[in-house]
C-alpha atoms as a PDB file:
ATOM      1  CA  UNK A   1      87.351 -38.780 146.700  1.00  0.00           C
ATOM      2  CA  UNK A   2      88.672 -37.818 150.104  1.00  0.00           C
ATOM      3  CA  UNK A   3      90.246 -34.845 148.673  1.00  0.00           C
ATOM      4  CA  UNK A   4      87.003 -33.750 146.940  1.00  0.00           C
ATOM      5  CA  UNK A   5      84.991 -33.967 150.164  1.00  0.00           C
ATOM      6  CA  UNK A   6      87.609 -32.102 152.158  1.00  0.00           C
ATOM      7  CA  UNK A   7      87.272 -29.257 149.432  1.00  0.00           C
ATOM      8  CA  UNK A   8      83.594 -29.436 149.613  1.00  0.00           C
ATOM      9  CA  UNK A   9      83.563 -29.168 153.437  1.00  0.00           C
ATOM     10  CA  UNK A  10      85.753 -26.078 153.173  1.00  0.00           C
ATOM     11  CA  UNK A  11      83.475 -24.341 150.691  1.00  0.00           C
ATOM     12  CA  UNK A  12      80.492 -25.037 152.931  1.00  0.00           C
ATOM     13  CA  UNK A  13      82.202 -23.582 155.921  1.00  0.00           C
ATOM     14  CA  UNK A  14      83.327 -20.468 153.803  1.00  0.00           C
ATOM     15  CA  UNK A  15      79.731 -20.033 152.593  1.00  0.00           C
ATOM     16  CA  UNK A  16      78.340 -20.176 156.061  1.00  0.00           C
ATOM     17  CA  UNK A  17      80.840 -17.740 157.305  1.00  0.00           C
ATOM     18  CA  UNK A  18      80.121 -15.268 154.491  1.00  0.00           C
ATOM     19  CA  UNK A  19      76.457 -15.652 155.131  1.00  0.00           C
ATOM     20  CA  UNK A  20      76.899 -15.045 158.953  1.00  0.00           C
ATOM     21  CA  UNK A  21      79.043 -12.043 158.284  1.00  0.00           C
ATOM     22  CA  UNK A  22      76.434 -10.618 155.987  1.00  0.00           C
ATOM     23  CA  UNK A  23      73.739 -11.193 158.733  1.00  0.00           C
ATOM     24  CA  UNK A  24      75.744  -9.126 161.273  1.00  0.00           C
ATOM     25  CA  UNK A  25      77.304  -5.904 160.155  1.00  0.00           C
ATOM     26  CA  UNK A  26      80.014  -4.439 162.296  1.00  0.00           C
ATOM     27  CA  UNK A  27      81.529  -1.006 161.424  1.00  0.00           C
ATOM     28  CA  UNK A  28      83.818   1.398 163.563  1.00  0.00           C
ATOM     29  CA  UNK A  29      84.112   5.124 162.809  1.00  0.00           C
ATOM     30  CA  UNK A  30      86.209   7.374 164.873  1.00  0.00           C
ATOM     31  CA  UNK A  31      85.373  11.036 165.562  1.00  0.00           C
ATOM     32  CA  UNK A  32      88.465  12.236 164.084  1.00  0.00           C
ATOM     33  CA  UNK A  33      91.644  10.737 162.405  1.00  0.00           C
ATOM     34  CA  UNK A  34      94.124  13.116 164.541  1.00  0.00           C
ATOM     35  CA  UNK A  35      94.025  13.395 168.309  1.00  0.00           C
ATOM     36  CA  UNK A  36      96.090  15.254 171.186  1.00  0.00           C
ATOM     37  CA  UNK A  37      98.051  12.982 173.257  1.00  0.00           C
ATOM     38  CA  UNK A  38      96.170  11.991 176.441  1.00  0.00           C
ATOM     39  CA  UNK A  39      92.714  13.393 175.252  1.00  0.00           C
ATOM     40  CA  UNK A  40      89.911  10.720 174.928  1.00  0.00           C
ATOM     41  CA  UNK A  41      90.186   8.831 171.508  1.00  0.00           C
ATOM     42  CA  UNK A  42      86.474   8.480 170.822  1.00  0.00           C
ATOM     43  CA  UNK A  43      84.456   6.912 168.218  1.00  0.00           C
ATOM     44  CA  UNK A  44      81.168   5.101 167.380  1.00  0.00           C
ATOM     45  CA  UNK A  45      80.753   1.314 166.861  1.00  0.00           C
ATOM     46  CA  UNK A  46      77.530   0.302 164.714  1.00  0.00           C
ATOM     47  CA  UNK A  47      75.983  -3.185 164.679  1.00  0.00           C
ATOM     48  CA  UNK A  48      73.271  -3.947 162.258  1.00  0.00           C
ATOM     49  CA  UNK A  49      71.295  -7.192 162.840  1.00  0.00           C
ATOM     50  CA  UNK A  50      70.195  -8.675 159.554  1.00  0.00           C
ATOM     51  CA  UNK A  51      69.795 -12.248 160.883  1.00  0.00           C
ATOM     52  CA  UNK A  52      66.020 -12.222 160.968  1.00  0.00           C
ATOM     53  CA  UNK A  53      65.935 -12.714 164.703  1.00  0.00           C
ATOM     54  CA  UNK A  54      66.790 -11.134 167.970  1.00  0.00           C
ATOM     55  CA  UNK A  55      70.323 -11.232 169.169  1.00  0.00           C
ATOM     56  CA  UNK A  56      71.812 -10.997 172.676  1.00  0.00           C
ATOM     57  CA  UNK A  57      75.183  -9.676 173.093  1.00  0.00           C
ATOM     58  CA  UNK A  58      76.731 -10.333 176.590  1.00  0.00           C
ATOM     59  CA  UNK A  59      79.704 -11.465 178.423  1.00  0.00           C
ATOM     60  CA  UNK A  60      80.796 -15.002 177.858  1.00  0.00           C
ATOM     61  CA  UNK A  61      83.219 -16.935 180.306  1.00  0.00           C
ATOM     62  CA  UNK A  62      84.261 -13.666 181.914  1.00  0.00           C
ATOM     63  CA  UNK A  63      85.106 -12.145 178.529  1.00  0.00           C
ATOM     64  CA  UNK A  64      83.301  -8.946 177.185  1.00  0.00           C
ATOM     65  CA  UNK A  65      81.272  -9.164 173.971  1.00  0.00           C
ATOM     66  CA  UNK A  66      83.395  -6.136 172.745  1.00  0.00           C
ATOM     67  CA  UNK A  67      87.224  -6.126 172.329  1.00  0.00           C
ATOM     68  CA  UNK A  68      89.713  -4.013 170.299  1.00  0.00           C
ATOM     69  CA  UNK A  69      92.887  -4.785 168.561  1.00  0.00           C
ATOM     70  CA  UNK A  70      95.405  -2.043 168.647  1.00  0.00           C
ATOM     71  CA  UNK A  71      98.854  -1.818 167.005  1.00  0.00           C
ATOM     72  CA  UNK A  72     101.417   0.927 166.847  1.00  0.00           C
ATOM     73  CA  UNK A  73     103.210   2.323 163.854  1.00  0.00           C
ATOM     74  CA  UNK A  74     105.631  -0.794 163.888  1.00  0.00           C
ATOM     75  CA  UNK A  75     102.713  -3.237 163.766  1.00  0.00           C
ATOM     76  CA  UNK A  76     103.402  -4.171 167.374  1.00  0.00           C
ATOM     77  CA  UNK A  77     100.306  -5.184 169.479  1.00  0.00           C
ATOM     78  CA  UNK A  78      99.510  -2.792 172.359  1.00  0.00           C
ATOM     79  CA  UNK A  79      98.416  -4.637 175.509  1.00  0.00           C
ATOM     80  CA  UNK A  80      95.223  -3.392 177.261  1.00  0.00           C
ATOM     81  CA  UNK A  81      95.446  -1.699 180.517  1.00  0.00           C
ATOM     82  CA  UNK A  82      92.404  -3.598 181.906  1.00  0.00           C
ATOM     83  CA  UNK A  83      91.780  -7.191 181.261  1.00  0.00           C
ATOM     84  CA  UNK A  84      88.188  -6.892 180.032  1.00  0.00           C
ATOM     85  CA  UNK A  85      86.063  -3.968 178.930  1.00  0.00           C
ATOM     86  CA  UNK A  86      82.927  -4.987 180.899  1.00  0.00           C
ATOM     87  CA  UNK A  87      80.522  -3.555 178.435  1.00  0.00           C
ATOM     88  CA  UNK A  88      76.962  -3.891 179.260  1.00  0.00           C
ATOM     89  CA  UNK A  89      74.769  -6.685 177.577  1.00  0.00           C
ATOM     90  CA  UNK A  90      72.633  -5.610 174.764  1.00  0.00           C
ATOM     91  CA  UNK A  91      69.669  -7.144 172.930  1.00  0.00           C
ATOM     92  CA  UNK A  92      69.439  -6.353 169.352  1.00  0.00           C
ATOM     93  CA  UNK A  93      66.017  -6.984 167.685  1.00  0.00           C
ATOM     94  CA  UNK A  94      65.724  -8.220 164.168  1.00  0.00           C
ATOM     95  CA  UNK A  95      66.621  -5.478 161.754  1.00  0.00           C
ATOM     96  CA  UNK A  96      67.742  -3.038 164.345  1.00  0.00           C
ATOM     97  CA  UNK A  97      70.866  -0.990 164.278  1.00  0.00           C
ATOM     98  CA  UNK A  98      72.702  -0.283 167.386  1.00  0.00           C
ATOM     99  CA  UNK A  99      75.232   2.554 167.865  1.00  0.00           C
ATOM    100  CA  UNK A 100      77.610   2.282 170.674  1.00  0.00           C
ATOM    101  CA  UNK A 101      80.137   5.206 171.563  1.00  0.00           C
ATOM    102  CA  UNK A 102      83.563   3.953 172.534  1.00  0.00           C
ATOM    103  CA  UNK A 103      86.661   5.512 174.038  1.00  0.00           C
ATOM    104  CA  UNK A 104      89.693   3.424 173.083  1.00  0.00           C
ATOM    105  CA  UNK A 105      92.406   4.662 175.135  1.00  0.00           C
ATOM    106  CA  UNK A 106      90.244   4.171 178.326  1.00  0.00           C
ATOM    107  CA  UNK A 107      91.445   0.469 177.932  1.00  0.00           C
ATOM    108  CA  UNK A 108      94.554   0.788 175.672  1.00  0.00           C
ATOM    109  CA  UNK A 109      97.642   2.940 176.362  1.00  0.00           C
ATOM    110  CA  UNK A 110      97.915   5.454 173.438  1.00  0.00           C
ATOM    111  CA  UNK A 111      99.574   8.517 174.952  1.00  0.00           C
ATOM    112  CA  UNK A 112     102.694   8.028 173.087  1.00  0.00           C
ATOM    113  CA  UNK A 113     102.826  10.167 169.936  1.00  0.00           C
ATOM    114  CA  UNK A 114     102.656   8.205 166.535  1.00  0.00           C
ATOM    115  CA  UNK A 115     100.254   6.193 164.280  1.00  0.00           C
ATOM    116  CA  UNK A 116      98.081   3.548 165.670  1.00  0.00           C
ATOM    117  CA  UNK A 117      95.798   0.967 163.862  1.00  0.00           C
ATOM    118  CA  UNK A 118      92.444   0.190 165.578  1.00  0.00           C
ATOM    119  CA  UNK A 119      89.822  -2.713 164.907  1.00  0.00           C
ATOM    120  CA  UNK A 120      86.857  -3.537 166.859  1.00  0.00           C
ATOM    121  CA  UNK A 121      85.767  -7.228 167.608  1.00  0.00           C
ATOM    122  CA  UNK A 122      82.323  -8.203 168.755  1.00  0.00           C
ATOM    123  CA  UNK A 123      81.782 -11.782 169.938  1.00  0.00           C
ATOM    124  CA  UNK A 124      78.531 -13.594 169.259  1.00  0.00           C
ATOM    125  CA  UNK A 125      78.425 -16.623 171.629  1.00  0.00           C
ATOM    126  CA  UNK A 126      75.167 -17.980 170.078  1.00  0.00           C
ATOM    127  CA  UNK A 127      76.913 -18.998 167.000  1.00  0.00           C
ATOM    128  CA  UNK A 128      80.467 -19.051 168.472  1.00  0.00           C
ATOM    129  CA  UNK A 129      81.639 -16.462 166.085  1.00  0.00           C
ATOM    130  CA  UNK A 130      83.485 -13.104 166.366  1.00  0.00           C
ATOM    131  CA  UNK A 131      82.937 -10.310 163.801  1.00  0.00           C
ATOM    132  CA  UNK A 132      85.527  -7.653 163.118  1.00  0.00           C
ATOM    133  CA  UNK A 133      85.460  -4.258 161.894  1.00  0.00           C
ATOM    134  CA  UNK A 134      88.050  -3.050 159.281  1.00  0.00           C
ATOM    135  CA  UNK A 135      91.287  -1.605 160.533  1.00  0.00           C
ATOM    136  CA  UNK A 136      91.190   2.359 161.058  1.00  0.00           C
ATOM    137  CA  UNK A 137      94.371   4.361 161.061  1.00  0.00           C
ATOM    138  CA  UNK A 138      94.595   7.377 163.582  1.00  0.00           C
ATOM    139  CA  UNK A 139      97.434   9.663 164.391  1.00  0.00           C
ATOM    140  CA  UNK A 140      98.346  10.894 168.038  1.00  0.00           C
ATOM    141  CA  UNK A 141     100.304  14.070 168.283  1.00  0.00           C
ATOM    142  CA  UNK A 142     100.755  16.887 170.796  1.00  0.00           C
ATOM    143  CA  UNK A 143      99.606  20.470 170.896  1.00  0.00           C
ATOM    144  CA  UNK A 144     101.667  23.548 170.684  1.00  0.00           C
ATOM    145  CA  UNK A 145     102.272  24.814 174.325  1.00  0.00           C
ATOM    146  CA  UNK A 146     101.332  28.318 175.186  1.00  0.00           C
ATOM    147  CA  UNK A 147     101.214  28.631 178.858  1.00  0.00           C
ATOM    148  CA  UNK A 148     101.516  26.600 182.233  1.00  0.00           C
ATOM    149  CA  UNK A 149     101.281  27.204 185.936  1.00  0.00           C
ATOM    150  CA  UNK A 150     101.749  25.173 188.997  1.00  0.00           C
ATOM    151  CA  UNK A 151      99.206  25.345 191.597  1.00  0.00           C
ATOM    152  CA  UNK A 152      98.590  23.614 195.046  1.00  0.00           C
ATOM    153  CA  UNK A 153      95.413  21.758 195.977  1.00  0.00           C
ATOM    154  CA  UNK A 154      93.814  23.725 198.612  1.00  0.00           C
ATOM    155  CA  UNK A 155      92.707  22.415 202.025  1.00  0.00           C
ATOM    156  CA  UNK A 156      89.257  20.753 202.084  1.00  0.00           C
ATOM    157  CA  UNK A 157      89.836  18.998 198.756  1.00  0.00           C
ATOM    158  CA  UNK A 158      90.929  15.483 197.992  1.00  0.00           C
ATOM    159  CA  UNK A 159      94.833  15.240 197.616  1.00  0.00           C
ATOM    160  CA  UNK A 160      95.255  18.606 199.686  1.00  0.00           C
ATOM    161  CA  UNK A 161      98.851  19.687 199.725  1.00  0.00           C
ATOM    162  CA  UNK A 162      99.782  18.040 196.428  1.00  0.00           C
ATOM    163  CA  UNK A 163     100.518  20.337 193.203  1.00  0.00           C
ATOM    164  CA  UNK A 164      98.981  20.428 189.785  1.00  0.00           C
ATOM    165  CA  UNK A 165     100.149  22.044 186.485  1.00  0.00           C
ATOM    166  CA  UNK A 166      97.620  23.631 184.403  1.00  0.00           C
ATOM    167  CA  UNK A 167      98.590  24.155 180.676  1.00  0.00           C
ATOM    168  CA  UNK A 168      97.013  25.656 177.730  1.00  0.00           C
ATOM    169  CA  UNK A 169      97.955  24.548 174.113  1.00  0.00           C
ATOM    170  CA  UNK A 170      96.739  24.979 170.603  1.00  0.00           C
ATOM    171  CA  UNK A 171      95.942  22.085 168.238  1.00  0.00           C
ATOM    172  CA  UNK A 172      94.885  22.144 164.477  1.00  0.00           C
ATOM    173  CA  UNK A 173      91.778  19.872 164.021  1.00  0.00           C
ATOM    174  CA  UNK A 174      92.163  20.321 160.357  1.00  0.00           C
ATOM    175  CA  UNK A 175      93.677  22.701 157.648  1.00  0.00           C
ATOM    176  CA  UNK A 176      91.814  25.714 159.088  1.00  0.00           C
ATOM    177  CA  UNK A 177      90.225  24.657 162.352  1.00  0.00           C
ATOM    178  CA  UNK A 178      92.272  25.386 165.427  1.00  0.00           C
ATOM    179  CA  UNK A 179      91.112  24.722 169.037  1.00  0.00           C
ATOM    180  CA  UNK A 180      92.442  25.804 172.420  1.00  0.00           C
ATOM    181  CA  UNK A 181      93.228  22.853 174.832  1.00  0.00           C
ATOM    182  CA  UNK A 182      93.698  22.522 178.578  1.00  0.00           C
ATOM    183  CA  UNK A 183      95.743  19.961 180.158  1.00  0.00           C
ATOM    184  CA  UNK A 184      96.153  19.228 183.798  1.00  0.00           C
ATOM    185  CA  UNK A 185      99.016  16.922 185.260  1.00  0.00           C
ATOM    186  CA  UNK A 186     100.495  15.953 188.556  1.00  0.00           C
ATOM    187  CA  UNK A 187     103.477  18.163 188.975  1.00  0.00           C
ATOM    188  CA  UNK A 188     105.490  15.527 190.873  1.00  0.00           C
ATOM    189  CA  UNK A 189     104.647  12.285 189.129  1.00  0.00           C
ATOM    190  CA  UNK A 190     103.911  13.765 185.745  1.00  0.00           C
ATOM    191  CA  UNK A 191     100.675  11.814 185.456  1.00  0.00           C
ATOM    192  CA  UNK A 192      98.116  13.746 183.033  1.00  0.00           C
ATOM    193  CA  UNK A 193      94.888  13.873 184.674  1.00  0.00           C
ATOM    194  CA  UNK A 194      92.918  15.665 181.862  1.00  0.00           C
ATOM    195  CA  UNK A 195      93.372  16.859 178.351  1.00  0.00           C
ATOM    196  CA  UNK A 196      90.472  18.179 176.240  1.00  0.00           C
ATOM    197  CA  UNK A 197      89.593  21.243 174.155  1.00  0.00           C
ATOM    198  CA  UNK A 198      87.816  24.089 175.446  1.00  0.00           C
ATOM    199  CA  UNK A 199      86.808  25.729 172.287  1.00  0.00           C
ATOM    200  CA  UNK A 200      87.615  26.965 168.838  1.00  0.00           C
ATOM    201  CA  UNK A 201      90.491  29.473 168.720  1.00  0.00           C
ATOM    202  CA  UNK A 202      91.341  32.579 166.775  1.00  0.00           C
ATOM    203  CA  UNK A 203      94.856  33.623 167.182  1.00  0.00           C
ATOM    204  CA  UNK A 204      94.149  37.258 166.385  1.00  0.00           C
ATOM    205  CA  UNK A 205      94.189  37.732 170.101  1.00  0.00           C
ATOM    206  CA  UNK A 206      95.857  35.689 172.667  1.00  0.00           C
ATOM    207  CA  UNK A 207      93.992  34.110 175.539  1.00  0.00           C
ATOM    208  CA  UNK A 208      94.011  35.615 178.893  1.00  0.00           C
ATOM    209  CA  UNK A 209      93.739  33.597 182.026  1.00  0.00           C
ATOM    210  CA  UNK A 210      93.659  34.113 185.883  1.00  0.00           C
ATOM    211  CA  UNK A 211      93.710  31.800 189.046  1.00  0.00           C
ATOM    212  CA  UNK A 212      91.045  32.605 191.828  1.00  0.00           C
ATOM    213  CA  UNK A 213      91.240  32.127 195.592  1.00  0.00           C
ATOM    214  CA  UNK A 214      90.274  28.438 195.156  1.00  0.00           C
ATOM    215  CA  UNK A 215      93.023  27.888 192.594  1.00  0.00           C
ATOM    216  CA  UNK A 216      90.521  27.546 189.898  1.00  0.00           C
ATOM    217  CA  UNK A 217      91.710  28.402 186.155  1.00  0.00           C
ATOM    218  CA  UNK A 218      89.520  31.069 184.509  1.00  0.00           C
ATOM    219  CA  UNK A 219      90.226  31.234 180.769  1.00  0.00           C
ATOM    220  CA  UNK A 220      88.957  33.925 178.215  1.00  0.00           C
ATOM    221  CA  UNK A 221      89.867  33.358 174.531  1.00  0.00           C
ATOM    222  CA  UNK A 222      88.717  34.513 171.142  1.00  0.00           C
ATOM    223  CA  UNK A 223      86.554  31.709 169.603  1.00  0.00           C
ATOM    224  CA  UNK A 224      85.268  33.540 166.649  1.00  0.00           C
ATOM    225  CA  UNK A 225      84.744  36.925 165.021  1.00  0.00           C
ATOM    226  CA  UNK A 226      83.865  39.352 167.874  1.00  0.00           C
ATOM    227  CA  UNK A 227      83.126  36.377 169.786  1.00  0.00           C
ATOM    228  CA  UNK A 228      84.923  35.041 173.062  1.00  0.00           C
ATOM    229  CA  UNK A 229      84.667  31.827 175.108  1.00  0.00           C
ATOM    230  CA  UNK A 230      84.855  31.928 179.072  1.00  0.00           C
ATOM    231  CA  UNK A 231      85.707  28.727 180.963  1.00  0.00           C
ATOM    232  CA  UNK A 232      86.253  28.010 184.640  1.00  0.00           C
ATOM    233  CA  UNK A 233      88.191  24.847 185.489  1.00  0.00           C
ATOM    234  CA  UNK A 234      88.362  23.521 189.051  1.00  0.00           C
ATOM    235  CA  UNK A 235      91.257  21.954 190.855  1.00  0.00           C
ATOM    236  CA  UNK A 236      90.038  18.421 189.717  1.00  0.00           C
ATOM    237  CA  UNK A 237      90.455  19.565 186.088  1.00  0.00           C
ATOM    238  CA  UNK A 238      86.743  19.691 185.393  1.00  0.00           C
ATOM    239  CA  UNK A 239      85.158  22.504 183.562  1.00  0.00           C
ATOM    240  CA  UNK A 240      82.516  23.936 186.016  1.00  0.00           C
ATOM    241  CA  UNK A 241      81.509  27.052 183.851  1.00  0.00           C
ATOM    242  CA  UNK A 242      81.248  28.049 180.335  1.00  0.00           C
ATOM    243  CA  UNK A 243      79.752  31.242 178.678  1.00  0.00           C
ATOM    244  CA  UNK A 244      80.168  33.187 175.479  1.00  0.00           C
ATOM    245  CA  UNK A 245      80.766  36.895 175.537  1.00  0.00           C
ATOM    246  CA  UNK A 246      80.827  39.254 172.539  1.00  0.00           C
ATOM    247  CA  UNK A 247      82.494  42.633 171.570  1.00  0.00           C
ATOM    248  CA  UNK A 248      80.048  45.589 171.907  1.00  0.00           C
ATOM    249  CA  UNK A 249      81.567  48.272 169.479  1.00  0.00           C
ATOM    250  CA  UNK A 250      85.134  48.986 170.753  1.00  0.00           C
ATOM    251  CA  UNK A 251      84.501  47.456 174.075  1.00  0.00           C
ATOM    252  CA  UNK A 252      85.755  43.999 174.426  1.00  0.00           C
ATOM    253  CA  UNK A 253      85.037  41.438 177.158  1.00  0.00           C
ATOM    254  CA  UNK A 254      88.260  40.944 179.646  1.00  0.00           C
ATOM    255  CA  UNK A 255      89.069  39.183 182.871  1.00  0.00           C
ATOM    256  CA  UNK A 256      89.013  41.231 185.828  1.00  0.00           C
ATOM    257  CA  UNK A 257      90.539  40.130 189.277  1.00  0.00           C
ATOM    258  CA  UNK A 258      89.426  42.148 192.317  1.00  0.00           C
ATOM    259  CA  UNK A 259      91.311  42.778 195.711  1.00  0.00           C
ATOM    260  CA  UNK A 260      89.806  39.654 197.186  1.00  0.00           C
ATOM    261  CA  UNK A 261      91.167  37.439 194.336  1.00  0.00           C
ATOM    262  CA  UNK A 262      87.512  36.734 192.756  1.00  0.00           C
ATOM    263  CA  UNK A 263      87.634  36.756 188.967  1.00  0.00           C
ATOM    264  CA  UNK A 264      84.771  37.842 186.563  1.00  0.00           C
ATOM    265  CA  UNK A 265      84.386  38.960 182.879  1.00  0.00           C
ATOM    266  CA  UNK A 266      83.540  42.452 182.655  1.00  0.00           C
ATOM    267  CA  UNK A 267      83.099  44.584 179.310  1.00  0.00           C
ATOM    268  CA  UNK A 268      81.498  43.504 175.929  1.00  0.00           C
ATOM    269  CA  UNK A 269      78.184  41.845 176.373  1.00  0.00           C
ATOM    270  CA  UNK A 270      76.694  38.428 177.211  1.00  0.00           C
ATOM    271  CA  UNK A 271      75.189  35.859 174.769  1.00  0.00           C
ATOM    272  CA  UNK A 272      71.725  36.903 176.058  1.00  0.00           C
ATOM    273  CA  UNK A 273      72.329  40.509 175.231  1.00  0.00           C
ATOM    274  CA  UNK A 274      73.867  39.873 171.902  1.00  0.00           C
ATOM    275  CA  UNK A 275      70.596  37.973 170.789  1.00  0.00           C
ATOM    276  CA  UNK A 276      68.186  40.597 172.168  1.00  0.00           C
ATOM    277  CA  UNK A 277      66.785  42.785 169.380  1.00  0.00           C
ATOM    278  CA  UNK A 278      67.937  46.281 169.238  1.00  0.00           C
ATOM    279  CA  UNK A 279      64.454  47.658 169.835  1.00  0.00           C
ATOM    280  CA  UNK A 280      64.112  45.931 173.243  1.00  0.00           C
ATOM    281  CA  UNK A 281      67.647  47.031 174.346  1.00  0.00           C
ATOM    282  CA  UNK A 282      67.072  50.789 173.320  1.00  0.00           C
ATOM    283  CA  UNK A 283      63.412  51.411 173.777  1.00  0.00           C
ATOM    284  CA  UNK A 284      61.140  50.882 176.664  1.00  0.00           C
ATOM    285  CA  UNK A 285      57.545  50.137 176.570  1.00  0.00           C
ATOM    286  CA  UNK A 286      54.954  52.989 177.682  1.00  0.00           C
ATOM    287  CA  UNK A 287      54.116  51.046 180.768  1.00  0.00           C
ATOM    288  CA  UNK A 288      57.744  51.224 181.825  1.00  0.00           C
ATOM    289  CA  UNK A 289      57.889  55.037 181.942  1.00  0.00           C
ATOM    290  CA  UNK A 290      59.015  56.288 185.202  1.00  0.00           C
ATOM    291  CA  UNK A 291      56.064  58.081 187.010  1.00  0.00           C
ATOM    292  CA  UNK A 292      55.688  61.669 186.808  1.00  0.00           C
ATOM    293  CA  UNK A 293      57.140  62.167 183.190  1.00  0.00           C
ATOM    294  CA  UNK A 294      54.814  64.563 181.110  1.00  0.00           C
ATOM    295  CA  UNK A 295      52.875  63.049 178.356  1.00  0.00           C
ATOM    296  CA  UNK A 296      53.167  64.775 174.783  1.00  0.00           C
END
């Protein structure tokens, strides 16, 4: 009889757990299955409230409502860089779906190349339960290096006198999709400060680059048929300007450095010019005729 009561209690607990799991649905989706080492590993967490009442997700006893479990290719747990994620509390109305952008390697070290498995956990203090997403597998690898240059941090900037290493690399996002990546690291310590794509890349023409008087990096690369992407990156590794240029017949856009060290794109045509109808480019209105011309 005692054994029967134990089995009944376990069955009730199992059913209540399944019911709660059905009421709150958790899913994690990464933006890509493949990432370059040191770039942000981003995804989206989705929470669906089917409980029939409003829910509050917030910190409990100093612990964040959101956490992750990360393991490497050997199945070993990866310890977090920070003790808590400190995500802001949310209120989820009945029937509402909440989407939350996440960056996993903001809290977990995942710069080593290899395979990782990631699972999200959401705590719900009101019923003292934790809901987990399914495990996802992602791959971290590195790009193909193309170019690098060490520059000093100019006076007037934070960390003036230190040295940075700019580098460009290519990386396949898929079977045919190729991107050009920028990376900046401290040349002394080797610490990577930034890694990110600056645009799609076509290998028909190699990228060109120049460094201006502020030690900013200027990159012009072919990103599509007759299309070029121009990017300016400051000494902190941040992109401060991006623009698109196009070929104009046989005239291709190119980087030009003047005698003062200033860098600009010359040749080709801007995106605004490329989208201007031919009639507006080649013909002027009658009101725009210079004064003194004869009328026929």
